[in-house]
Amino acid sequence: MSVINKKIRFIFAVFFICCIFLNISVISAASTTSAEDTTVASALSDSSDLSTSYGNGVTVHMNTDGLTAPPDITAQAAMIINMETGNAVYEKNSNQIIYPASTVKIMTAILVVENVPDLNSQTLISQYVVDNTIVTSKNIGVSVGEVFTVEQLLNAMLLYGANDAALALAEYVSGSVPDFVAKMNEKAAELGCVNTVFTNPSGLHDDSMHTTAADIAKIAAYATKNQVIMDITSSDSFDIPPTNKDSDPRPLFNRNYFTSKASGTNSDSYYPYAKGINAGNTSAAGYCLVTLAQQAQQNELSYLCVVMGSTAIPSGDTEIPNSYSDAHSLLDWAFSIYSYKTIVSTKDKISSPEVRLSANRDTVTLVPDADISVLLPQNVNMDKDIEIKSTTYTDSLVAPISVGDCLGEITVWYKGQIVGSAKLLSTAAVERSNVLYALDQIKGIVSCLWFKASVTIFIILFAVYIVIILLRNNRKTPRKFY
């Protein structure tokens, strides 16, 4: 029987090792398949279900029932972007193909600033620039061989609208204007512009050059992040000193009457909350204006306003662009309709779920990783229209847990739509109890389906083995004859 006992012990050992191996495999597989995606989108979701159409191509992207309707404007296309959320709150024919006029200079400025590390670098005006300058357009009158700094030409182009400066900058950056235009189109595609084709760096009319208000908004939003561009386009004036070809200084005044009153013209068009970015026109494109506006009393609420293809009012020998009044009325409307409210703060304690296998605490407090601030209509009913939902990742609520571990998410809903979200982070470290962990592992082994199946199979095989041994012993037992 000693041989039999050894065989039985061997079978038990093999069985135990197999069970452990199977259990580890199952646990590993389970941990892989049960892992939750904890990625949380911080940007606002598409609020198209909250949009209201007013006809004539106008759409408001946040329910404003009971509030003032958006104003009528002369612009062919327009768009207002809330800069805190990055979302459009107003659109008029925003994807309609139009001519860009001087808004092209925004892209030219972006490429210049990004490709010239030293704006004090000197440029030499070429014969090409002079030959291709349309003298009847806006220019500073450069001469062949005249020397300027990049900063001077940038101010001439952005502040004064000089087209010869745009040509000179393009040639300086890329060696040739066609090569620079290729860079412009590459950058436009990089920024997500799908309906824009540039053919020159100034914006002078070309039937082949076109864009949309939506694409110009993408380019302008990118430009607002560049302090050089914003400083130049928001200033009142700039003086170019005498050069090697011209003994007279060139005083430049901001031609964007929405931003500056320095020129003394159309001072009624001035908007005190505006900064930059571009104003201009062509006969084919109409009057265009791109600007950033911010009212401090509105919780630092800011809007990017794009107005394209506005008409003008004749005034003596000149005309007054309606692009300024269009932008003025749109921005006043947006500031009066919306407010930016913080619904959830990082200081808020959202929940305290239980933690398994803990050695030092039973629960852990969860807080948002960022404030959730939402753009809402002024007449929002916070109790009725706003709902806050939080979710914890149950598979993650097992010790050990470190401070800052993502254990869930919180979402803010406005009238059935998600308008903001944040991750929920642990505020404390939770140590693991080795005793509880060992018991949990044993429980996992015992409750494992493979373990139960293995036990059943083992019992059957062991029973068969015992029967076989008994039968063999019976055969070997000698018969007694009496």
Protein backbone atom coordinates (compact mmCIF):
# COMPACT_ATOMS: atom_id res chain seq x y z
CA MET A 1 0.00 0.00 0.00
CA SER A 2 3.02 2.36 0.35
CA VAL A 3 3.34 2.47 -3.42
CA ILE A 4 -0.34 3.31 -3.70
CA ASN A 5 -0.01 6.08 -1.11
CA LYS A 6 2.87 7.64 -3.05
CA LYS A 7 0.82 7.57 -6.22
CA ILE A 8 -2.12 9.19 -4.47
CA ARG A 9 0.10 11.94 -3.03
CA PHE A 10 1.60 12.52 -6.46
CA ILE A 11 -1.84 12.85 -8.03
CA PHE A 12 -2.91 15.35 -5.35
CA ALA A 13 0.25 17.45 -5.90
CA VAL A 14 -0.20 17.52 -9.67
CA PHE A 15 -3.85 18.39 -9.23
CA PHE A 16 -3.07 21.31 -6.84
CA ILE A 17 -0.40 22.76 -9.16
CA CYS A 18 -2.75 22.55 -12.15
CA CYS A 19 -5.49 24.30 -10.20
CA ILE A 20 -3.16 27.16 -9.24
CA PHE A 21 -2.01 27.55 -12.85
CA LEU A 22 -5.55 27.53 -14.19
CA ASN A 23 -6.67 30.02 -11.55
CA ILE A 24 -3.84 32.46 -12.34
CA SER A 25 -4.66 32.22 -16.03
CA VAL A 26 -8.34 32.93 -15.42
CA ILE A 27 -7.61 35.84 -13.07
CA SER A 28 -5.19 37.36 -15.57
CA ALA A 29 -7.70 37.03 -18.36
CA ALA A 30 -10.43 38.50 -16.23
CA SER A 31 -8.30 41.48 -15.25
CA THR A 32 -7.54 42.12 -18.89
CA THR A 33 -11.13 41.94 -20.08
CA SER A 34 -12.58 43.84 -17.14
CA ALA A 35 -10.33 46.86 -17.46
CA GLU A 36 -12.44 49.92 -18.20
CA ASP A 37 -11.57 52.76 -20.54
CA THR A 38 -11.07 55.72 -18.25
CA THR A 39 -10.56 58.27 -20.99
CA VAL A 40 -12.81 61.26 -20.38
CA ALA A 41 -13.46 63.93 -22.98
CA SER A 42 -12.97 67.33 -21.40
CA ALA A 43 -14.40 69.22 -24.33
CA LEU A 44 -18.11 69.82 -24.68
CA SER A 45 -20.09 67.34 -26.69
CA ASP A 46 -21.98 68.09 -29.85
CA SER A 47 -24.99 70.14 -28.84
CA SER A 48 -26.73 69.92 -32.22
CA ASP A 49 -29.91 68.63 -30.55
CA LEU A 50 -30.11 71.94 -28.66
CA SER A 51 -29.80 74.01 -31.83
CA THR A 52 -32.48 76.35 -33.16
CA SER A 53 -32.79 77.40 -36.80
CA TYR A 54 -33.96 80.95 -37.54
CA GLY A 55 -33.98 80.71 -41.33
CA ASN A 56 -31.76 82.50 -43.84
CA GLY A 57 -28.94 80.12 -42.91
CA VAL A 58 -28.89 81.19 -39.24
CA THR A 59 -28.48 78.58 -36.48
CA VAL A 60 -28.11 79.14 -32.74
CA HIS A 61 -26.39 76.20 -31.00
CA MET A 62 -27.90 76.51 -27.55
CA ASN A 63 -31.57 76.58 -26.67
CA THR A 64 -32.50 80.25 -26.19
CA ASP A 65 -36.28 79.94 -25.92
CA GLY A 66 -37.70 82.95 -24.14
CA LEU A 67 -34.64 85.09 -24.87
CA THR A 68 -33.85 87.63 -27.57
CA ALA A 69 -33.48 86.22 -31.08
CA PRO A 70 -30.17 86.80 -32.85
CA PRO A 71 -29.96 90.11 -34.76
CA ASP A 72 -30.39 90.48 -38.50
CA ILE A 73 -27.06 91.25 -40.19
CA THR A 74 -25.99 92.16 -43.70
CA ALA A 75 -23.11 89.68 -43.75
CA GLN A 76 -23.30 86.85 -46.23
CA ALA A 77 -21.74 84.48 -43.69
CA ALA A 78 -20.81 84.74 -40.03
CA MET A 79 -19.82 82.70 -37.00
CA ILE A 80 -19.39 83.25 -33.27
CA ILE A 81 -17.21 80.86 -31.27
CA ASN A 82 -17.20 80.77 -27.49
CA MET A 83 -13.50 80.61 -26.66
CA GLU A 84 -13.99 78.97 -23.25
CA THR A 85 -15.62 75.90 -24.79
CA GLY A 86 -14.42 76.11 -28.39
CA ASN A 87 -17.99 75.66 -29.57
CA ALA A 88 -19.99 77.71 -32.04
CA VAL A 89 -22.95 79.52 -30.50
CA TYR A 90 -24.06 81.23 -33.73
CA GLU A 91 -23.68 80.44 -37.41
CA LYS A 92 -24.90 81.99 -40.62
CA ASN A 93 -24.04 80.13 -43.81
CA SER A 94 -20.79 79.14 -42.11
CA ASN A 95 -19.94 76.47 -44.70
CA GLN A 96 -20.89 78.48 -47.75
CA ILE A 97 -18.02 79.05 -50.19
CA ILE A 98 -16.98 82.73 -50.19
CA TYR A 99 -14.02 84.92 -51.07
CA PRO A 100 -11.64 85.58 -48.14
CA ALA A 101 -10.39 89.13 -48.87
CA SER A 102 -7.85 90.38 -46.31
CA THR A 103 -8.52 87.57 -43.83
CA VAL A 104 -5.87 85.69 -45.85
CA LYS A 105 -3.27 87.81 -44.03
CA ILE A 106 -4.05 85.95 -40.79
CA MET A 107 -2.61 82.76 -42.28
CA THR A 108 0.35 84.68 -43.73
CA ALA A 109 1.13 86.09 -40.29
CA ILE A 110 0.91 82.65 -38.67
CA LEU A 111 3.49 81.18 -41.05
CA VAL A 112 5.81 84.16 -40.71
CA VAL A 113 5.82 84.10 -36.90
CA GLU A 114 6.23 80.31 -36.79
CA ASN A 115 9.10 80.26 -39.31
CA VAL A 116 11.09 83.35 -38.33
CA PRO A 117 12.56 83.02 -34.82
CA ASP A 118 14.04 86.55 -34.84
CA LEU A 119 11.61 89.23 -35.98
CA ASN A 120 14.48 91.69 -36.10
CA SER A 121 15.87 89.78 -39.09
CA GLN A 122 16.34 92.03 -42.11
CA THR A 123 14.63 91.52 -45.45
CA LEU A 124 15.63 92.90 -48.85
CA ILE A 125 12.83 93.88 -51.23
CA SER A 126 13.17 92.07 -54.55
CA GLN A 127 12.24 93.05 -58.07
CA TYR A 128 9.53 90.37 -57.98
CA VAL A 129 7.77 92.02 -55.03
CA VAL A 130 7.76 95.43 -56.72
CA ASP A 131 6.65 94.06 -60.10
CA ASN A 132 3.77 92.07 -58.56
CA THR A 133 2.48 94.82 -56.29
CA ILE A 134 -0.81 96.31 -57.45
CA VAL A 135 -0.20 100.00 -56.91
CA THR A 136 -3.91 100.81 -56.55
CA SER A 137 -4.23 98.47 -53.57
CA LYS A 138 -3.20 99.07 -49.96
CA ASN A 139 0.64 99.34 -49.84
CA ILE A 140 3.50 101.07 -48.05
CA GLY A 141 5.35 101.74 -51.32
CA VAL A 142 8.43 99.52 -51.04
CA SER A 143 11.36 99.88 -53.47
CA VAL A 144 13.75 97.33 -54.96
CA GLY A 145 16.69 96.86 -52.60
CA GLU A 146 14.93 98.50 -49.66
CA VAL A 147 15.70 96.93 -46.29
CA PHE A 148 13.08 96.26 -43.60
CA THR A 149 12.91 94.05 -40.54
CA VAL A 150 10.37 91.24 -40.42
CA GLU A 151 8.68 93.01 -37.51
CA GLN A 152 8.23 96.17 -39.58
CA LEU A 153 6.68 94.27 -42.48
CA LEU A 154 4.42 92.31 -40.11
CA ASN A 155 3.09 95.56 -38.68
CA ALA A 156 2.64 96.98 -42.16
CA MET A 157 0.65 93.93 -43.24
CA LEU A 158 -1.43 93.29 -40.11
CA LEU A 159 -1.95 96.82 -38.84
CA TYR A 160 -2.11 98.79 -42.07
CA GLY A 161 -3.13 96.01 -44.49
CA ALA A 162 -0.14 96.47 -46.82
CA ASN A 163 -0.21 93.96 -49.67
CA ASP A 164 3.38 94.62 -50.77
CA ALA A 165 4.50 93.73 -47.23
CA ALA A 166 2.63 90.41 -47.50
CA LEU A 167 4.48 89.56 -50.74
CA ALA A 168 7.86 90.47 -49.22
CA LEU A 169 7.23 88.35 -46.12
CA ALA A 170 6.12 85.36 -48.20
CA GLU A 171 9.25 85.54 -50.34
CA TYR A 172 11.48 85.93 -47.28
CA VAL A 173 10.03 82.85 -45.52
CA SER A 174 9.89 80.41 -48.45
CA GLY A 175 12.18 81.85 -51.10
CA SER A 176 9.27 82.38 -53.47
CA VAL A 177 5.62 83.37 -53.22
CA PRO A 178 4.32 80.13 -54.86
CA ASP A 179 6.24 78.03 -52.34
CA PHE A 180 4.83 80.13 -49.51
CA VAL A 181 1.28 79.70 -50.85
CA ALA A 182 1.84 75.94 -50.81
CA LYS A 183 2.73 76.23 -47.12
CA MET A 184 -0.45 78.24 -46.53
CA ASN A 185 -2.61 75.47 -47.96
CA GLU A 186 -0.72 72.82 -46.01
CA LYS A 187 -1.27 74.73 -42.77
CA ALA A 188 -4.94 75.23 -43.57
CA ALA A 189 -5.38 71.48 -44.01
CA GLU A 190 -3.47 70.88 -40.76
CA LEU A 191 -5.93 73.17 -38.93
CA GLY A 192 -8.90 71.23 -40.31
CA CYS A 193 -9.94 73.64 -43.05
CA VAL A 194 -11.75 71.60 -45.71
CA ASN A 195 -13.09 74.32 -48.02
CA THR A 196 -10.15 76.71 -48.25
CA VAL A 197 -7.77 77.31 -51.16
CA PHE A 198 -5.17 80.08 -50.99
CA THR A 199 -3.53 81.48 -54.13
CA ASN A 200 -1.72 84.52 -52.72
CA PRO A 201 -0.55 85.80 -49.31
CA SER A 202 -2.39 89.14 -49.35
CA GLY A 203 -6.04 88.37 -50.05
CA LEU A 204 -6.28 90.38 -53.25
CA HIS A 205 -9.08 88.91 -55.29
CA ASP A 206 -8.56 85.73 -57.28
CA ASP A 207 -11.49 83.72 -58.58
CA SER A 208 -9.65 80.52 -57.63
CA MET A 209 -9.14 81.56 -53.99
CA HIS A 210 -11.98 80.76 -51.63
CA THR A 211 -12.84 79.81 -48.05
CA THR A 212 -15.73 79.63 -45.58
CA ALA A 213 -16.56 81.45 -42.37
CA ALA A 214 -16.05 78.15 -40.51
CA ASP A 215 -12.55 77.70 -41.95
CA ILE A 216 -11.57 81.32 -41.22
CA ALA A 217 -12.78 80.77 -37.64
CA LYS A 218 -10.42 77.79 -37.29
CA ILE A 219 -7.48 79.80 -38.60
CA ALA A 220 -8.33 82.81 -36.43
CA ALA A 221 -8.80 80.70 -33.29
CA TYR A 222 -5.33 79.30 -33.86
CA ALA A 223 -3.95 82.82 -34.37
CA THR A 224 -5.37 84.03 -31.04
CA LYS A 225 -2.88 81.76 -29.30
CA ASN A 226 0.02 83.71 -30.82
CA GLN A 227 0.82 86.74 -28.67
CA VAL A 228 2.82 88.49 -31.41
CA ILE A 229 -0.15 88.48 -33.77
CA MET A 230 -2.58 89.58 -31.07
CA ASP A 231 -0.30 92.39 -29.86
CA ILE A 232 0.21 93.80 -33.35
CA THR A 233 -3.42 93.60 -34.44
CA SER A 234 -4.64 95.14 -31.16
CA SER A 235 -2.26 98.11 -31.15
CA ASP A 236 -3.14 101.60 -32.39
CA SER A 237 -0.11 102.45 -34.49
CA PHE A 238 3.43 101.61 -35.52
CA ASP A 239 6.19 103.75 -37.04
CA ILE A 240 8.60 102.43 -39.65
CA PRO A 241 11.72 104.62 -39.44
CA PRO A 242 13.56 105.92 -42.53
CA THR A 243 15.18 103.18 -44.60
CA ASN A 244 18.10 102.97 -47.00
CA LYS A 245 15.72 103.96 -49.81
CA ASP A 246 13.35 106.40 -48.13
CA SER A 247 14.37 109.20 -45.80
CA ASP A 248 10.86 109.72 -44.50
CA PRO A 249 9.34 107.65 -41.67
CA ARG A 250 6.21 105.68 -42.40
CA PRO A 251 3.58 106.13 -39.63
CA LEU A 252 1.05 103.28 -39.72
CA PHE A 253 -2.37 103.41 -38.09
CA ASN A 254 -4.62 100.45 -37.35
CA ARG A 255 -7.21 100.32 -40.11
CA ASN A 256 -9.44 98.03 -38.04
CA TYR A 257 -11.90 100.58 -36.69
CA PHE A 258 -13.50 97.93 -34.51
CA THR A 259 -10.31 97.67 -32.47
CA SER A 260 -8.79 101.15 -32.65
CA LYS A 261 -9.81 104.81 -32.96
CA ALA A 262 -6.24 105.91 -33.75
CA SER A 263 -6.95 106.72 -37.40
CA GLY A 264 -9.70 109.14 -36.39
CA THR A 265 -12.03 107.59 -38.97
CA ASN A 266 -15.30 105.79 -38.23
CA SER A 267 -14.80 106.11 -34.49
CA ASP A 268 -18.43 105.07 -34.03
CA SER A 269 -17.39 101.60 -35.19
CA TYR A 270 -15.08 101.12 -32.19
CA TYR A 271 -15.95 98.23 -29.86
CA PRO A 272 -14.24 98.58 -26.46
CA TYR A 273 -14.06 94.84 -25.76
CA ALA A 274 -12.41 93.90 -29.08
CA LYS A 275 -8.85 92.76 -29.75
CA GLY A 276 -7.54 92.41 -33.32
CA ILE A 277 -7.52 90.54 -35.62
CA ASN A 278 -8.27 91.61 -39.19
CA ALA A 279 -10.49 93.90 -41.22
CA GLY A 280 -10.58 94.39 -44.97
CA ASN A 281 -12.55 94.13 -48.16
CA THR A 282 -12.57 93.54 -51.87
CA SER A 283 -15.36 94.34 -54.31
CA ALA A 284 -16.01 90.61 -54.80
CA ALA A 285 -15.76 89.55 -51.14
CA GLY A 286 -17.49 92.50 -49.51
CA TYR A 287 -16.41 93.70 -46.08
CA CYS A 288 -14.90 91.18 -43.68
CA LEU A 289 -14.03 91.38 -39.99
CA VAL A 290 -12.39 88.89 -37.64
CA THR A 291 -12.08 89.86 -33.98
CA LEU A 292 -11.83 88.56 -30.42
CA ALA A 293 -14.02 90.18 -27.77
CA GLN A 294 -14.00 89.79 -23.99
CA GLN A 295 -16.11 91.34 -21.25
CA ALA A 296 -14.51 91.07 -17.83
CA GLN A 297 -17.81 91.51 -16.03
CA GLN A 298 -19.13 88.40 -17.79
CA ASN A 299 -16.80 86.03 -15.92
CA GLU A 300 -14.08 86.62 -18.52
CA LEU A 301 -16.43 85.32 -21.20
CA SER A 302 -14.87 85.73 -24.65
CA TYR A 303 -16.02 85.21 -28.24
CA LEU A 304 -14.33 84.95 -31.60
CA CYS A 305 -16.46 86.74 -34.17
CA VAL A 306 -16.12 86.17 -37.93
CA VAL A 307 -18.16 88.34 -40.31
CA MET A 308 -17.75 87.80 -44.05
CA GLY A 309 -19.32 89.56 -47.01
CA SER A 310 -21.02 92.48 -45.26
CA THR A 311 -22.42 95.39 -47.24
CA ALA A 312 -21.60 99.08 -46.76
CA ILE A 313 -23.45 102.40 -46.39
CA PRO A 314 -22.42 105.20 -48.80
CA SER A 315 -21.08 108.26 -47.00
CA GLY A 316 -19.99 111.09 -49.27
CA ASP A 317 -16.98 110.02 -51.29
CA THR A 318 -16.51 106.89 -49.20
CA GLU A 319 -18.64 104.25 -47.48
CA ILE A 320 -19.10 102.90 -43.98
CA PRO A 321 -18.68 99.11 -43.71
CA ASN A 322 -21.58 97.23 -42.13
CA SER A 323 -19.13 94.57 -40.99
CA TYR A 324 -18.54 96.64 -37.84
CA SER A 325 -22.21 97.08 -36.99
CA ASP A 326 -22.85 93.41 -37.83
CA ALA A 327 -20.13 92.28 -35.41
CA HIS A 328 -21.23 94.82 -32.80
CA SER A 329 -24.82 93.58 -32.74
CA LEU A 330 -23.80 89.89 -32.80
CA LEU A 331 -21.39 90.25 -29.90
CA ASP A 332 -23.79 92.35 -27.82
CA TRP A 333 -26.41 89.66 -28.38
CA ALA A 334 -24.04 86.81 -27.39
CA PHE A 335 -22.89 88.59 -24.23
CA SER A 336 -26.50 89.25 -23.20
CA ILE A 337 -27.77 85.74 -23.94
CA TYR A 338 -25.14 83.46 -22.43
CA SER A 339 -23.16 83.11 -19.21
CA TYR A 340 -20.34 80.80 -18.21
CA LYS A 341 -21.23 78.89 -15.05
CA THR A 342 -19.08 76.56 -12.95
CA ILE A 343 -21.31 73.58 -12.22
CA VAL A 344 -18.74 71.28 -10.59
CA SER A 345 -15.58 72.37 -8.77
CA THR A 346 -12.39 70.47 -7.97
CA LYS A 347 -13.18 71.22 -4.33
CA ASP A 348 -16.45 69.27 -4.48
CA LYS A 349 -16.46 65.86 -2.80
CA ILE A 350 -18.48 63.81 -5.24
CA SER A 351 -18.64 60.38 -3.57
CA SER A 352 -16.95 58.04 -1.10
CA PRO A 353 -17.22 54.48 -2.44
CA GLU A 354 -16.13 51.41 -0.49
CA VAL A 355 -12.72 49.91 -1.22
CA ARG A 356 -12.09 46.15 -1.12
CA LEU A 357 -9.07 44.49 0.51
CA SER A 358 -8.14 47.67 2.39
CA ALA A 359 -5.86 47.65 5.42
CA ASN A 360 -6.30 51.24 6.63
CA ARG A 361 -9.69 52.59 5.47
CA ASP A 362 -13.03 51.33 4.18
CA THR A 363 -13.81 54.18 1.74
CA VAL A 364 -12.01 56.74 -0.42
CA THR A 365 -13.24 60.23 -1.34
CA LEU A 366 -13.40 61.13 -5.03
CA VAL A 367 -13.07 64.66 -6.46
CA PRO A 368 -13.07 66.00 -10.07
CA ASP A 369 -9.71 66.49 -11.79
CA ALA A 370 -10.94 69.83 -13.21
CA ASP A 371 -13.77 72.30 -12.85
CA ILE A 372 -16.71 71.71 -15.15
CA SER A 373 -17.78 75.12 -16.43
CA VAL A 374 -20.55 75.31 -18.96
CA LEU A 375 -21.85 77.96 -21.35
CA LEU A 376 -25.58 78.28 -20.66
CA PRO A 377 -28.44 80.62 -21.55
CA GLN A 378 -29.09 83.34 -18.98
CA ASN A 379 -32.55 81.95 -18.22
CA VAL A 380 -31.41 78.40 -17.46
CA ASN A 381 -33.30 76.65 -14.66
CA MET A 382 -30.46 75.06 -12.68
CA ASP A 383 -32.76 72.70 -10.77
CA LYS A 384 -34.80 71.57 -13.77
CA ASP A 385 -32.43 71.77 -16.74
CA ILE A 386 -29.11 70.68 -15.18
CA GLU A 387 -28.36 67.12 -14.07
CA ILE A 388 -25.10 65.81 -12.60
CA LYS A 389 -24.23 62.11 -12.88
CA SER A 390 -21.22 60.29 -11.47
CA THR A 391 -19.91 56.81 -12.20
CA THR A 392 -17.27 54.80 -10.34
CA TYR A 393 -15.19 52.06 -11.92
CA THR A 394 -16.00 49.16 -9.56
CA ASP A 395 -13.10 47.04 -10.85
CA SER A 396 -10.73 49.81 -9.76
CA LEU A 397 -12.05 50.06 -6.18
CA VAL A 398 -9.60 47.45 -4.88
CA ALA A 399 -6.58 48.24 -2.70
CA PRO A 400 -3.88 49.30 -3.21
CA ILE A 401 -4.98 52.77 -4.44
CA SER A 402 -2.72 55.81 -4.80
CA VAL A 403 -3.59 59.48 -4.47
CA GLY A 404 -4.72 60.75 -7.87
CA ASP A 405 -5.80 57.39 -9.29
CA CYS A 406 -8.73 57.73 -11.72
CA LEU A 407 -11.62 55.80 -10.21
CA GLY A 408 -14.60 57.19 -12.12
CA GLU A 409 -16.06 60.10 -14.03
CA ILE A 410 -18.65 62.81 -13.59
CA THR A 411 -20.83 64.34 -16.31
CA VAL A 412 -23.01 67.43 -16.48
CA TRP A 413 -26.18 67.23 -18.56
CA TYR A 414 -28.22 70.12 -19.93
CA LYS A 415 -31.67 69.21 -21.20
CA GLY A 416 -30.65 65.63 -21.92
CA GLN A 417 -27.30 66.45 -23.55
CA ILE A 418 -23.82 66.00 -22.06
CA VAL A 419 -22.23 69.45 -21.89
CA GLY A 420 -19.22 68.74 -19.68
CA SER A 421 -17.29 65.94 -17.99
CA ALA A 422 -14.29 65.27 -15.78
CA LYS A 423 -12.38 62.37 -14.24
CA LEU A 424 -12.92 61.42 -10.60
CA LEU A 425 -9.67 61.06 -8.70
CA SER A 426 -8.78 59.47 -5.37
CA THR A 427 -7.87 61.92 -2.59
CA ALA A 428 -6.14 59.37 -0.36
CA ALA A 429 -3.86 56.36 -0.52
CA VAL A 430 -5.37 53.00 0.43
CA GLU A 431 -3.03 50.22 1.53
CA ARG A 432 -3.75 46.59 0.79
CA SER A 433 -4.30 44.04 3.55
CA ASN A 434 -2.13 41.01 2.81
CA VAL A 435 -4.42 38.76 4.84
CA LEU A 436 -7.53 39.91 2.97
CA TYR A 437 -5.65 39.64 -0.31
CA ALA A 438 -4.59 36.04 0.44
CA LEU A 439 -8.13 35.09 1.43
CA ASP A 440 -9.45 36.73 -1.71
CA GLN A 441 -7.00 34.75 -3.83
CA ILE A 442 -8.06 31.50 -2.13
CA LYS A 443 -11.68 32.45 -2.64
CA GLY A 444 -10.92 33.11 -6.27
CA ILE A 445 -9.31 29.70 -6.63
CA VAL A 446 -12.11 27.86 -4.87
CA SER A 447 -14.90 29.68 -6.70
CA CYS A 448 -13.17 29.40 -10.04
CA LEU A 449 -15.07 27.35 -12.60
CA TRP A 450 -11.86 25.57 -13.60
CA PHE A 451 -11.26 24.60 -10.01
CA LYS A 452 -14.75 23.14 -9.63
CA ALA A 453 -14.44 21.28 -12.90
CA SER A 454 -11.00 20.00 -11.94
CA VAL A 455 -12.26 18.73 -8.57
CA THR A 456 -15.10 16.91 -10.26
CA ILE A 457 -12.79 15.34 -12.83
CA PHE A 458 -10.28 14.45 -10.10
CA ILE A 459 -12.91 12.76 -7.95
CA ILE A 460 -14.08 10.74 -10.91
CA LEU A 461 -10.53 9.78 -11.92
CA PHE A 462 -9.59 9.02 -8.33
CA ALA A 463 -12.63 6.82 -7.91
CA VAL A 464 -11.80 4.99 -11.12
CA TYR A 465 -8.19 4.64 -9.94
CA ILE A 466 -9.26 3.14 -6.59
CA VAL A 467 -11.60 0.73 -8.31
CA ILE A 468 -8.80 -0.39 -10.63
CA ILE A 469 -6.38 -0.88 -7.71
CA LEU A 470 -8.94 -2.87 -5.76
CA LEU A 471 -9.67 -5.07 -8.74
CA ARG A 472 -5.98 -5.71 -9.30
CA ASN A 473 -5.46 -6.62 -5.62
CA ASN A 474 -8.39 -9.00 -5.72
CA ARG A 475 -6.85 -10.76 -8.70
CA LYS A 476 -3.48 -11.14 -6.97
CA THR A 477 -5.00 -12.57 -3.81
CA PRO A 478 -4.49 -16.38 -3.95
CA ARG A 479 -7.54 -18.52 -3.71
CA LYS A 480 -7.83 -20.83 -0.75
CA PHE A 481 -8.98 -24.37 -1.33
CA TYR A 482 -10.45 -26.31 1.47
